Amino acid sequence: MALSTYTYEQLGFGTELGPLTEKEKYALEKSWAAFFASGIFPYIDEQIFIPLYSERKSRRNVPVNVLAGAMLLQEIRGMSDEELVEAAMFDLRLRTALHITNAVGQPLSLRTIQRFRTRLRRYKEETGENLLKTCFDRIEDRIMPFLQKYTKYMVSTGPLKADIGGRHKRKEAGENRDSTG
């Protein structure tokens, strides 16, 4: 699959807010989603991920900034892959944060997330480079204020793990939870 970006279909914050009341729009504009949509998402560098994609012409990929941003929010919120896909369909805040619009449709599926994670893992095994960590390290100055300001409002399961290319286990309140993130 060739890497292609198509930000023209990723409309900006506030694009699909028609059915919301003014009070709801205001609340969304003050939420973590708006901060992420304007302060983190635009700075996710898709070019970092070029080695994961073929140079041959092929069908379009899901925008890498959507995948990387989704995986970051998945980790912060302690979501499973299934919960992430569901939230991408129904949670207006997550859709806002990732610039997901009806023009793009539903860009996330379990298969898409798992294939992206597999590509990341294989690349790391071959080269030793964790592309997701590289990406997040470059925007750490944007991620840290977000974490400091908003993680108290979000479900958080511990420190952010930059090694999102593999599976890991966390212990919470005495229970084991297998999570992809």
N, C-alpha and C. Protein backbone atom coordinates (compact mmCIF):
# COMPACT_ATOMS: atom_id res chain seq x y z
N MET A 1 0.85 -1.17 0.00
CA MET A 1 0.00 0.00 0.00
C MET A 1 0.90 1.24 0.00
N ALA A 2 0.65 2.14 -0.89
CA ALA A 2 1.42 3.37 -0.98
C ALA A 2 0.90 4.38 0.04
N LEU A 3 1.82 5.16 0.59
CA LEU A 3 1.42 6.20 1.53
C LEU A 3 0.86 7.37 0.74
N SER A 4 -0.35 7.73 1.08
CA SER A 4 -0.94 8.92 0.47
C SER A 4 -1.61 9.70 1.57
N THR A 5 -1.42 10.99 1.54
CA THR A 5 -2.08 11.83 2.52
C THR A 5 -3.26 12.49 1.84
N TYR A 6 -4.31 12.69 2.56
CA TYR A 6 -5.46 13.39 1.98
C TYR A 6 -6.14 14.20 3.06
N THR A 7 -5.42 15.22 3.47
CA THR A 7 -5.92 16.09 4.51
C THR A 7 -7.10 16.94 4.03
N TYR A 8 -7.29 17.04 2.73
CA TYR A 8 -8.43 17.81 2.24
C TYR A 8 -9.75 17.18 2.68
N GLU A 9 -9.74 15.89 2.98
CA GLU A 9 -10.95 15.24 3.47
C GLU A 9 -11.04 15.27 4.99
N GLN A 10 -9.96 15.67 5.65
CA GLN A 10 -9.97 15.76 7.09
C GLN A 10 -10.29 17.21 7.44
N LEU A 11 -11.54 17.47 7.55
CA LEU A 11 -11.98 18.84 7.78
C LEU A 11 -11.63 19.27 9.19
N GLY A 12 -11.52 20.54 9.39
CA GLY A 12 -11.08 21.09 10.66
C GLY A 12 -12.10 20.99 11.77
N PHE A 13 -11.66 21.37 12.94
CA PHE A 13 -12.50 21.35 14.13
C PHE A 13 -13.75 22.18 13.90
N GLY A 14 -14.89 21.64 14.30
CA GLY A 14 -16.14 22.39 14.22
C GLY A 14 -16.90 22.18 12.93
N THR A 15 -16.38 21.38 12.01
CA THR A 15 -16.99 21.22 10.71
C THR A 15 -18.38 20.60 10.78
N GLU A 16 -18.54 19.55 11.55
CA GLU A 16 -19.80 18.82 11.57
C GLU A 16 -20.56 19.04 12.87
N LEU A 17 -20.66 20.25 13.31
CA LEU A 17 -21.29 20.51 14.59
C LEU A 17 -22.72 21.02 14.45
N GLY A 18 -23.28 20.89 13.26
CA GLY A 18 -24.61 21.40 12.99
C GLY A 18 -25.68 20.99 13.98
N PRO A 19 -25.84 19.70 14.29
CA PRO A 19 -26.94 19.30 15.16
C PRO A 19 -26.73 19.64 16.64
N LEU A 20 -25.60 20.16 17.01
CA LEU A 20 -25.35 20.50 18.41
C LEU A 20 -25.95 21.85 18.76
N THR A 21 -26.38 21.97 20.00
CA THR A 21 -26.84 23.27 20.49
C THR A 21 -25.63 24.16 20.70
N GLU A 22 -25.86 25.43 20.88
CA GLU A 22 -24.75 26.35 21.13
C GLU A 22 -24.00 25.97 22.41
N LYS A 23 -24.73 25.55 23.42
CA LYS A 23 -24.11 25.14 24.69
C LYS A 23 -23.23 23.90 24.48
N GLU A 24 -23.72 22.96 23.69
CA GLU A 24 -22.94 21.75 23.40
C GLU A 24 -21.70 22.08 22.57
N LYS A 25 -21.85 22.96 21.59
CA LYS A 25 -20.70 23.38 20.79
C LYS A 25 -19.65 24.04 21.66
N TYR A 26 -20.09 24.89 22.57
CA TYR A 26 -19.17 25.58 23.48
C TYR A 26 -18.43 24.56 24.35
N ALA A 27 -19.16 23.58 24.88
CA ALA A 27 -18.54 22.55 25.72
C ALA A 27 -17.51 21.76 24.91
N LEU A 28 -17.83 21.42 23.68
CA LEU A 28 -16.89 20.69 22.83
C LEU A 28 -15.65 21.53 22.54
N GLU A 29 -15.85 22.81 22.30
CA GLU A 29 -14.72 23.71 22.03
C GLU A 29 -13.79 23.85 23.23
N LYS A 30 -14.30 23.60 24.42
CA LYS A 30 -13.49 23.70 25.64
C LYS A 30 -12.97 22.34 26.11
N SER A 31 -13.30 21.30 25.38
CA SER A 31 -12.96 19.94 25.80
C SER A 31 -11.55 19.54 25.38
N TRP A 32 -11.13 18.39 25.88
CA TRP A 32 -9.84 17.82 25.51
C TRP A 32 -9.77 17.59 24.00
N ALA A 33 -10.91 17.29 23.38
CA ALA A 33 -10.94 16.99 21.95
C ALA A 33 -10.49 18.19 21.12
N ALA A 34 -10.95 19.37 21.48
CA ALA A 34 -10.56 20.58 20.75
C ALA A 34 -9.07 20.86 20.91
N PHE A 35 -8.56 20.67 22.12
CA PHE A 35 -7.13 20.86 22.37
C PHE A 35 -6.32 19.90 21.51
N PHE A 36 -6.72 18.63 21.50
CA PHE A 36 -6.02 17.62 20.71
C PHE A 36 -6.12 17.94 19.23
N ALA A 37 -7.32 18.32 18.77
CA ALA A 37 -7.55 18.58 17.34
C ALA A 37 -6.70 19.73 16.82
N SER A 38 -6.47 20.74 17.65
CA SER A 38 -5.71 21.89 17.18
C SER A 38 -4.26 21.91 17.66
N GLY A 39 -4.00 21.27 18.80
CA GLY A 39 -2.66 21.37 19.39
C GLY A 39 -1.76 20.17 19.19
N ILE A 40 -2.33 19.03 18.81
CA ILE A 40 -1.52 17.81 18.64
C ILE A 40 -1.70 17.22 17.24
N PHE A 41 -2.92 16.97 16.86
CA PHE A 41 -3.20 16.28 15.60
C PHE A 41 -2.49 16.90 14.38
N PRO A 42 -2.53 18.21 14.18
CA PRO A 42 -1.88 18.77 12.99
C PRO A 42 -0.36 18.60 12.98
N TYR A 43 0.22 18.27 14.11
CA TYR A 43 1.67 18.17 14.21
C TYR A 43 2.18 16.73 14.13
N ILE A 44 1.28 15.78 13.94
CA ILE A 44 1.69 14.39 13.74
C ILE A 44 2.27 14.30 12.33
N ASP A 45 3.56 14.00 12.25
CA ASP A 45 4.27 14.00 10.98
C ASP A 45 4.12 12.66 10.27
N GLU A 46 3.30 12.63 9.25
CA GLU A 46 3.06 11.40 8.51
C GLU A 46 4.30 10.92 7.75
N GLN A 47 5.19 11.83 7.42
CA GLN A 47 6.38 11.46 6.65
C GLN A 47 7.27 10.47 7.41
N ILE A 48 7.20 10.47 8.72
CA ILE A 48 7.97 9.53 9.54
C ILE A 48 7.63 8.10 9.16
N PHE A 49 6.40 7.87 8.74
CA PHE A 49 5.90 6.52 8.51
C PHE A 49 6.06 6.05 7.06
N ILE A 50 6.71 6.82 6.21
CA ILE A 50 6.90 6.44 4.81
C ILE A 50 7.52 5.05 4.66
N PRO A 51 8.49 4.66 5.51
CA PRO A 51 9.08 3.32 5.32
C PRO A 51 8.08 2.16 5.46
N LEU A 52 6.92 2.40 6.02
CA LEU A 52 5.94 1.33 6.19
C LEU A 52 5.13 1.06 4.93
N TYR A 53 5.25 1.93 3.94
CA TYR A 53 4.38 1.86 2.78
C TYR A 53 5.17 1.64 1.50
N SER A 54 4.55 1.01 0.55
CA SER A 54 5.15 0.71 -0.74
C SER A 54 5.19 1.98 -1.60
N GLU A 55 6.12 2.00 -2.52
CA GLU A 55 6.19 3.11 -3.47
C GLU A 55 5.28 2.87 -4.66
N ARG A 56 4.78 1.65 -4.80
CA ARG A 56 3.88 1.33 -5.91
C ARG A 56 2.51 1.97 -5.69
N LYS A 57 1.85 2.24 -6.78
CA LYS A 57 0.48 2.77 -6.71
C LYS A 57 -0.43 1.66 -6.21
N SER A 58 -1.29 2.02 -5.29
CA SER A 58 -2.26 1.06 -4.76
C SER A 58 -3.40 1.84 -4.14
N ARG A 59 -4.30 1.12 -3.51
CA ARG A 59 -5.44 1.81 -2.90
C ARG A 59 -4.95 2.74 -1.79
N ARG A 60 -5.78 3.74 -1.50
CA ARG A 60 -5.39 4.71 -0.49
C ARG A 60 -5.39 4.07 0.89
N ASN A 61 -4.49 4.56 1.71
CA ASN A 61 -4.43 4.10 3.09
C ASN A 61 -5.28 5.00 3.98
N VAL A 62 -5.57 4.51 5.17
CA VAL A 62 -6.17 5.37 6.19
C VAL A 62 -5.11 6.42 6.53
N PRO A 63 -5.48 7.67 6.68
CA PRO A 63 -4.47 8.68 6.99
C PRO A 63 -3.65 8.28 8.23
N VAL A 64 -2.34 8.34 8.07
CA VAL A 64 -1.44 7.92 9.14
C VAL A 64 -1.60 8.81 10.37
N ASN A 65 -1.91 10.08 10.16
CA ASN A 65 -2.10 10.94 11.33
C ASN A 65 -3.32 10.52 12.13
N VAL A 66 -4.33 9.98 11.47
CA VAL A 66 -5.52 9.46 12.17
C VAL A 66 -5.12 8.22 12.96
N LEU A 67 -4.37 7.30 12.33
CA LEU A 67 -3.95 6.09 13.03
C LEU A 67 -3.05 6.40 14.22
N ALA A 68 -2.04 7.23 14.01
CA ALA A 68 -1.11 7.56 15.11
C ALA A 68 -1.85 8.31 16.22
N GLY A 69 -2.68 9.26 15.85
CA GLY A 69 -3.44 10.01 16.86
C GLY A 69 -4.40 9.10 17.62
N ALA A 70 -5.03 8.19 16.89
CA ALA A 70 -5.95 7.24 17.54
C ALA A 70 -5.21 6.35 18.52
N MET A 71 -4.02 5.90 18.13
CA MET A 71 -3.25 5.03 19.02
C MET A 71 -2.76 5.78 20.26
N LEU A 72 -2.45 7.05 20.08
CA LEU A 72 -2.06 7.87 21.24
C LEU A 72 -3.24 8.02 22.19
N LEU A 73 -4.41 8.37 21.66
CA LEU A 73 -5.60 8.51 22.51
C LEU A 73 -6.02 7.17 23.11
N GLN A 74 -5.84 6.11 22.36
CA GLN A 74 -6.16 4.77 22.88
C GLN A 74 -5.31 4.47 24.11
N GLU A 75 -4.05 4.78 24.03
CA GLU A 75 -3.14 4.54 25.16
C GLU A 75 -3.49 5.42 26.35
N ILE A 76 -3.72 6.69 26.10
CA ILE A 76 -4.04 7.62 27.19
C ILE A 76 -5.34 7.22 27.88
N ARG A 77 -6.32 6.82 27.09
CA ARG A 77 -7.64 6.50 27.64
C ARG A 77 -7.78 5.05 28.08
N GLY A 78 -6.77 4.23 27.81
CA GLY A 78 -6.82 2.84 28.23
C GLY A 78 -7.88 2.03 27.51
N MET A 79 -8.01 2.27 26.23
CA MET A 79 -9.06 1.62 25.43
C MET A 79 -8.52 0.39 24.72
N SER A 80 -9.37 -0.60 24.54
CA SER A 80 -9.05 -1.74 23.71
C SER A 80 -9.21 -1.31 22.25
N ASP A 81 -8.77 -2.16 21.34
CA ASP A 81 -8.96 -1.86 19.92
C ASP A 81 -10.45 -1.75 19.60
N GLU A 82 -11.24 -2.64 20.16
CA GLU A 82 -12.68 -2.63 19.91
C GLU A 82 -13.32 -1.34 20.41
N GLU A 83 -12.91 -0.90 21.60
CA GLU A 83 -13.44 0.35 22.15
C GLU A 83 -13.02 1.54 21.30
N LEU A 84 -11.80 1.51 20.79
CA LEU A 84 -11.32 2.60 19.93
C LEU A 84 -12.15 2.69 18.65
N VAL A 85 -12.39 1.56 18.01
CA VAL A 85 -13.17 1.56 16.77
C VAL A 85 -14.58 2.06 17.04
N GLU A 86 -15.17 1.61 18.13
CA GLU A 86 -16.52 2.05 18.48
C GLU A 86 -16.55 3.55 18.78
N ALA A 87 -15.56 4.03 19.52
CA ALA A 87 -15.50 5.46 19.83
C ALA A 87 -15.31 6.29 18.56
N ALA A 88 -14.54 5.77 17.60
CA ALA A 88 -14.33 6.49 16.34
C ALA A 88 -15.63 6.60 15.55
N MET A 89 -16.55 5.68 15.80
CA MET A 89 -17.85 5.74 15.12
C MET A 89 -18.83 6.66 15.84
N PHE A 90 -18.83 6.63 17.18
CA PHE A 90 -19.92 7.25 17.92
C PHE A 90 -19.55 8.38 18.86
N ASP A 91 -18.29 8.52 19.24
CA ASP A 91 -17.90 9.54 20.21
C ASP A 91 -17.49 10.81 19.47
N LEU A 92 -18.31 11.82 19.58
CA LEU A 92 -18.05 13.08 18.88
C LEU A 92 -16.72 13.69 19.29
N ARG A 93 -16.33 13.51 20.55
CA ARG A 93 -15.05 14.07 21.00
C ARG A 93 -13.88 13.40 20.28
N LEU A 94 -13.91 12.08 20.18
CA LEU A 94 -12.82 11.38 19.50
C LEU A 94 -12.81 11.73 18.01
N ARG A 95 -13.98 11.79 17.41
CA ARG A 95 -14.07 12.16 16.00
C ARG A 95 -13.54 13.57 15.77
N THR A 96 -13.85 14.47 16.70
CA THR A 96 -13.35 15.84 16.60
C THR A 96 -11.83 15.87 16.75
N ALA A 97 -11.32 15.17 17.74
CA ALA A 97 -9.88 15.15 18.00
C ALA A 97 -9.09 14.64 16.80
N LEU A 98 -9.65 13.67 16.08
CA LEU A 98 -8.95 13.04 14.96
C LEU A 98 -9.39 13.56 13.59
N HIS A 99 -10.20 14.62 13.60
CA HIS A 99 -10.68 15.23 12.35
C HIS A 99 -11.42 14.21 11.48
N ILE A 100 -12.14 13.30 12.09
CA ILE A 100 -12.91 12.31 11.35
C ILE A 100 -14.26 12.93 10.98
N THR A 101 -14.56 12.92 9.70
CA THR A 101 -15.81 13.49 9.24
C THR A 101 -16.58 12.45 8.44
N ASN A 102 -17.81 12.75 8.14
CA ASN A 102 -18.60 11.87 7.29
C ASN A 102 -18.05 11.82 5.88
N ALA A 103 -17.31 12.86 5.47
CA ALA A 103 -16.70 12.86 4.14
C ALA A 103 -15.66 11.76 4.03
N VAL A 104 -14.97 11.48 5.13
CA VAL A 104 -13.97 10.43 5.16
C VAL A 104 -14.63 9.08 5.40
N GLY A 105 -15.72 9.09 6.11
CA GLY A 105 -16.36 7.84 6.50
C GLY A 105 -15.69 7.29 7.74
N GLN A 106 -15.85 6.01 7.98
CA GLN A 106 -15.26 5.38 9.15
C GLN A 106 -13.87 4.88 8.77
N PRO A 107 -12.82 5.62 9.13
CA PRO A 107 -11.48 5.22 8.69
C PRO A 107 -10.88 4.10 9.53
N LEU A 108 -11.40 3.87 10.71
CA LEU A 108 -10.79 2.87 11.59
C LEU A 108 -11.60 1.58 11.62
N SER A 109 -10.88 0.50 11.53
CA SER A 109 -11.47 -0.82 11.73
C SER A 109 -10.45 -1.62 12.53
N LEU A 110 -10.89 -2.70 13.11
CA LEU A 110 -9.96 -3.55 13.85
C LEU A 110 -8.82 -3.99 12.95
N ARG A 111 -9.16 -4.39 11.75
CA ARG A 111 -8.15 -4.88 10.81
C ARG A 111 -7.13 -3.79 10.47
N THR A 112 -7.59 -2.57 10.26
CA THR A 112 -6.70 -1.46 9.93
C THR A 112 -5.72 -1.19 11.08
N ILE A 113 -6.24 -1.14 12.29
CA ILE A 113 -5.40 -0.89 13.45
C ILE A 113 -4.38 -2.02 13.62
N GLN A 114 -4.84 -3.25 13.51
CA GLN A 114 -3.94 -4.40 13.71
C GLN A 114 -2.88 -4.46 12.62
N ARG A 115 -3.24 -4.16 11.40
CA ARG A 115 -2.24 -4.17 10.31
C ARG A 115 -1.20 -3.06 10.50
N PHE A 116 -1.65 -1.89 10.92
CA PHE A 116 -0.73 -0.79 11.16
C PHE A 116 0.22 -1.16 12.29
N ARG A 117 -0.31 -1.71 13.35
CA ARG A 117 0.51 -2.11 14.49
C ARG A 117 1.52 -3.19 14.07
N THR A 118 1.09 -4.11 13.22
CA THR A 118 1.98 -5.16 12.72
C THR A 118 3.11 -4.56 11.89
N ARG A 119 2.78 -3.59 11.02
CA ARG A 119 3.81 -2.93 10.23
C ARG A 119 4.82 -2.21 11.12
N LEU A 120 4.31 -1.54 12.16
CA LEU A 120 5.20 -0.85 13.10
C LEU A 120 6.13 -1.85 13.80
N ARG A 121 5.58 -2.96 14.24
CA ARG A 121 6.37 -3.97 14.96
C ARG A 121 7.43 -4.57 14.04
N ARG A 122 7.04 -4.93 12.82
CA ARG A 122 7.99 -5.52 11.87
C ARG A 122 9.12 -4.54 11.55
N TYR A 123 8.76 -3.28 11.35
CA TYR A 123 9.78 -2.28 11.05
C TYR A 123 10.76 -2.15 12.23
N LYS A 124 10.23 -2.16 13.42
CA LYS A 124 11.09 -2.07 14.61
C LYS A 124 11.99 -3.30 14.72
N GLU A 125 11.47 -4.48 14.43
CA GLU A 125 12.27 -5.70 14.47
C GLU A 125 13.39 -5.66 13.44
N GLU A 126 13.11 -5.11 12.26
CA GLU A 126 14.09 -5.05 11.18
C GLU A 126 15.13 -3.97 11.38
N THR A 127 14.73 -2.82 11.92
CA THR A 127 15.62 -1.66 11.98
C THR A 127 16.00 -1.24 13.39
N GLY A 128 15.21 -1.67 14.36
CA GLY A 128 15.43 -1.22 15.74
C GLY A 128 14.77 0.12 16.03
N GLU A 129 14.16 0.75 15.03
CA GLU A 129 13.54 2.06 15.22
C GLU A 129 12.04 1.93 15.47
N ASN A 130 11.59 2.58 16.52
CA ASN A 130 10.17 2.63 16.86
C ASN A 130 9.61 3.93 16.28
N LEU A 131 8.94 3.82 15.15
CA LEU A 131 8.46 5.01 14.44
C LEU A 131 7.43 5.79 15.24
N LEU A 132 6.58 5.10 15.97
CA LEU A 132 5.57 5.79 16.77
C LEU A 132 6.24 6.60 17.88
N LYS A 133 7.25 6.02 18.51
CA LYS A 133 7.99 6.74 19.55
C LYS A 133 8.69 7.96 18.94
N THR A 134 9.28 7.77 17.77
CA THR A 134 9.93 8.90 17.09
C THR A 134 8.93 10.01 16.84
N CYS A 135 7.77 9.64 16.34
CA CYS A 135 6.71 10.62 16.07
C CYS A 135 6.31 11.37 17.33
N PHE A 136 6.04 10.63 18.39
CA PHE A 136 5.57 11.25 19.63
C PHE A 136 6.67 12.04 20.33
N ASP A 137 7.90 11.57 20.22
CA ASP A 137 9.02 12.32 20.81
C ASP A 137 9.14 13.70 20.16
N ARG A 138 8.87 13.78 18.87
CA ARG A 138 8.98 15.05 18.15
C ARG A 138 7.90 16.06 18.56
N ILE A 139 6.79 15.57 19.09
CA ILE A 139 5.72 16.48 19.51
C ILE A 139 5.46 16.39 21.02
N GLU A 140 6.45 15.90 21.74
CA GLU A 140 6.30 15.76 23.18
C GLU A 140 5.96 17.09 23.85
N ASP A 141 6.51 18.19 23.33
CA ASP A 141 6.21 19.50 23.91
C ASP A 141 4.75 19.89 23.73
N ARG A 142 4.04 19.22 22.85
CA ARG A 142 2.60 19.44 22.66
C ARG A 142 1.78 18.41 23.45
N ILE A 143 2.30 17.20 23.56
CA ILE A 143 1.58 16.14 24.26
C ILE A 143 1.57 16.38 25.76
N MET A 144 2.68 16.80 26.33
CA MET A 144 2.77 16.95 27.78
C MET A 144 1.76 17.95 28.35
N PRO A 145 1.58 19.14 27.77
CA PRO A 145 0.54 20.04 28.30
C PRO A 145 -0.86 19.43 28.21
N PHE A 146 -1.10 18.66 27.15
CA PHE A 146 -2.38 17.97 27.00
C PHE A 146 -2.58 16.98 28.15
N LEU A 147 -1.56 16.18 28.41
CA LEU A 147 -1.65 15.20 29.49
C LEU A 147 -1.85 15.88 30.84
N GLN A 148 -1.11 16.94 31.07
CA GLN A 148 -1.21 17.65 32.35
C GLN A 148 -2.59 18.28 32.54
N LYS A 149 -3.15 18.76 31.47
CA LYS A 149 -4.42 19.47 31.59
C LYS A 149 -5.64 18.55 31.57
N TYR A 150 -5.59 17.48 30.77
CA TYR A 150 -6.81 16.73 30.51
C TYR A 150 -6.86 15.30 31.01
N THR A 151 -5.76 14.70 31.41
CA THR A 151 -5.85 13.29 31.79
C THR A 151 -6.70 13.06 33.02
N LYS A 152 -6.90 14.07 33.85
CA LYS A 152 -7.78 13.88 35.00
C LYS A 152 -9.23 13.69 34.57
N TYR A 153 -9.57 14.11 33.35
CA TYR A 153 -10.93 13.96 32.83
C TYR A 153 -11.09 12.71 31.97
N MET A 154 -9.98 12.06 31.70
CA MET A 154 -10.00 10.91 30.81
C MET A 154 -9.63 9.67 31.61
N VAL A 155 -10.05 8.52 31.15
CA VAL A 155 -9.63 7.28 31.77
C VAL A 155 -8.17 7.08 31.41
N SER A 156 -7.33 6.99 32.39
CA SER A 156 -5.92 6.77 32.16
C SER A 156 -5.48 5.53 32.90
N THR A 157 -4.65 4.74 32.27
CA THR A 157 -4.24 3.49 32.88
C THR A 157 -2.78 3.46 33.24
N GLY A 158 -2.18 4.60 33.30
CA GLY A 158 -0.78 4.63 33.69
C GLY A 158 0.03 5.46 32.72
N PRO A 159 1.34 5.38 32.86
CA PRO A 159 2.20 6.20 32.00
C PRO A 159 2.09 5.79 30.55
N LEU A 160 2.22 6.75 29.68
CA LEU A 160 2.15 6.53 28.25
C LEU A 160 3.30 5.63 27.84
N LYS A 161 2.99 4.61 27.10
CA LYS A 161 4.00 3.70 26.58
C LYS A 161 4.19 4.05 25.11
N ALA A 162 5.40 4.42 24.76
CA ALA A 162 5.67 4.78 23.37
C ALA A 162 5.82 3.54 22.50
N ASP A 163 5.98 2.38 23.10
CA ASP A 163 6.12 1.15 22.32
C ASP A 163 4.74 0.58 22.03
N ILE A 164 4.00 1.29 21.21
CA ILE A 164 2.63 0.91 20.92
C ILE A 164 2.61 -0.16 19.84
N GLY A 165 3.74 -0.48 19.28
CA GLY A 165 3.80 -1.47 18.21
C GLY A 165 3.62 -2.90 18.68
N GLY A 166 3.58 -3.15 19.97
CA GLY A 166 3.41 -4.51 20.46
C GLY A 166 2.36 -4.56 21.55
N ARG A 167 2.09 -5.74 22.02
CA ARG A 167 1.12 -5.90 23.11
C ARG A 167 1.87 -5.76 24.42
N HIS A 168 1.18 -5.25 25.42
CA HIS A 168 1.79 -5.14 26.74
C HIS A 168 0.73 -5.40 27.80
N LYS A 169 1.19 -5.70 28.98
CA LYS A 169 0.26 -5.94 30.09
C LYS A 169 0.47 -4.88 31.14
N ARG A 170 -0.63 -4.53 31.78
CA ARG A 170 -0.59 -3.57 32.88
C ARG A 170 -1.28 -4.20 34.06
N LYS A 171 -0.85 -3.80 35.23
CA LYS A 171 -1.54 -4.24 36.44
C LYS A 171 -2.23 -3.02 37.03
N GLU A 172 -3.54 -3.16 37.20
CA GLU A 172 -4.34 -2.08 37.77
C GLU A 172 -5.12 -2.63 38.94
N ALA A 173 -5.01 -2.01 40.03
CA ALA A 173 -5.81 -2.37 41.20
C ALA A 173 -5.84 -3.88 41.42
N GLY A 174 -4.68 -4.50 41.24
CA GLY A 174 -4.56 -5.92 41.52
C GLY A 174 -5.06 -6.85 40.45
N GLU A 175 -5.49 -6.32 39.30
CA GLU A 175 -5.97 -7.21 38.25
C GLU A 175 -5.09 -7.07 37.02
N ASN A 176 -4.98 -8.13 36.26
CA ASN A 176 -4.23 -8.09 35.00
C ASN A 176 -5.17 -7.67 33.89
N ARG A 177 -4.69 -6.83 33.03
CA ARG A 177 -5.50 -6.41 31.89
C ARG A 177 -4.60 -6.44 30.68
N ASP A 178 -4.93 -7.28 29.73
CA ASP A 178 -4.17 -7.36 28.50
C ASP A 178 -4.68 -6.25 27.59
N SER A 179 -3.76 -5.42 27.11
CA SER A 179 -4.19 -4.28 26.32
C SER A 179 -3.28 -4.10 25.14
N THR A 180 -3.83 -3.65 24.05
CA THR A 180 -3.01 -3.26 22.91
C THR A 180 -2.93 -1.77 22.95
N GLY A 181 -1.83 -1.25 22.73
CA GLY A 181 -1.80 0.20 22.81
C GLY A 181 -0.61 0.80 22.32
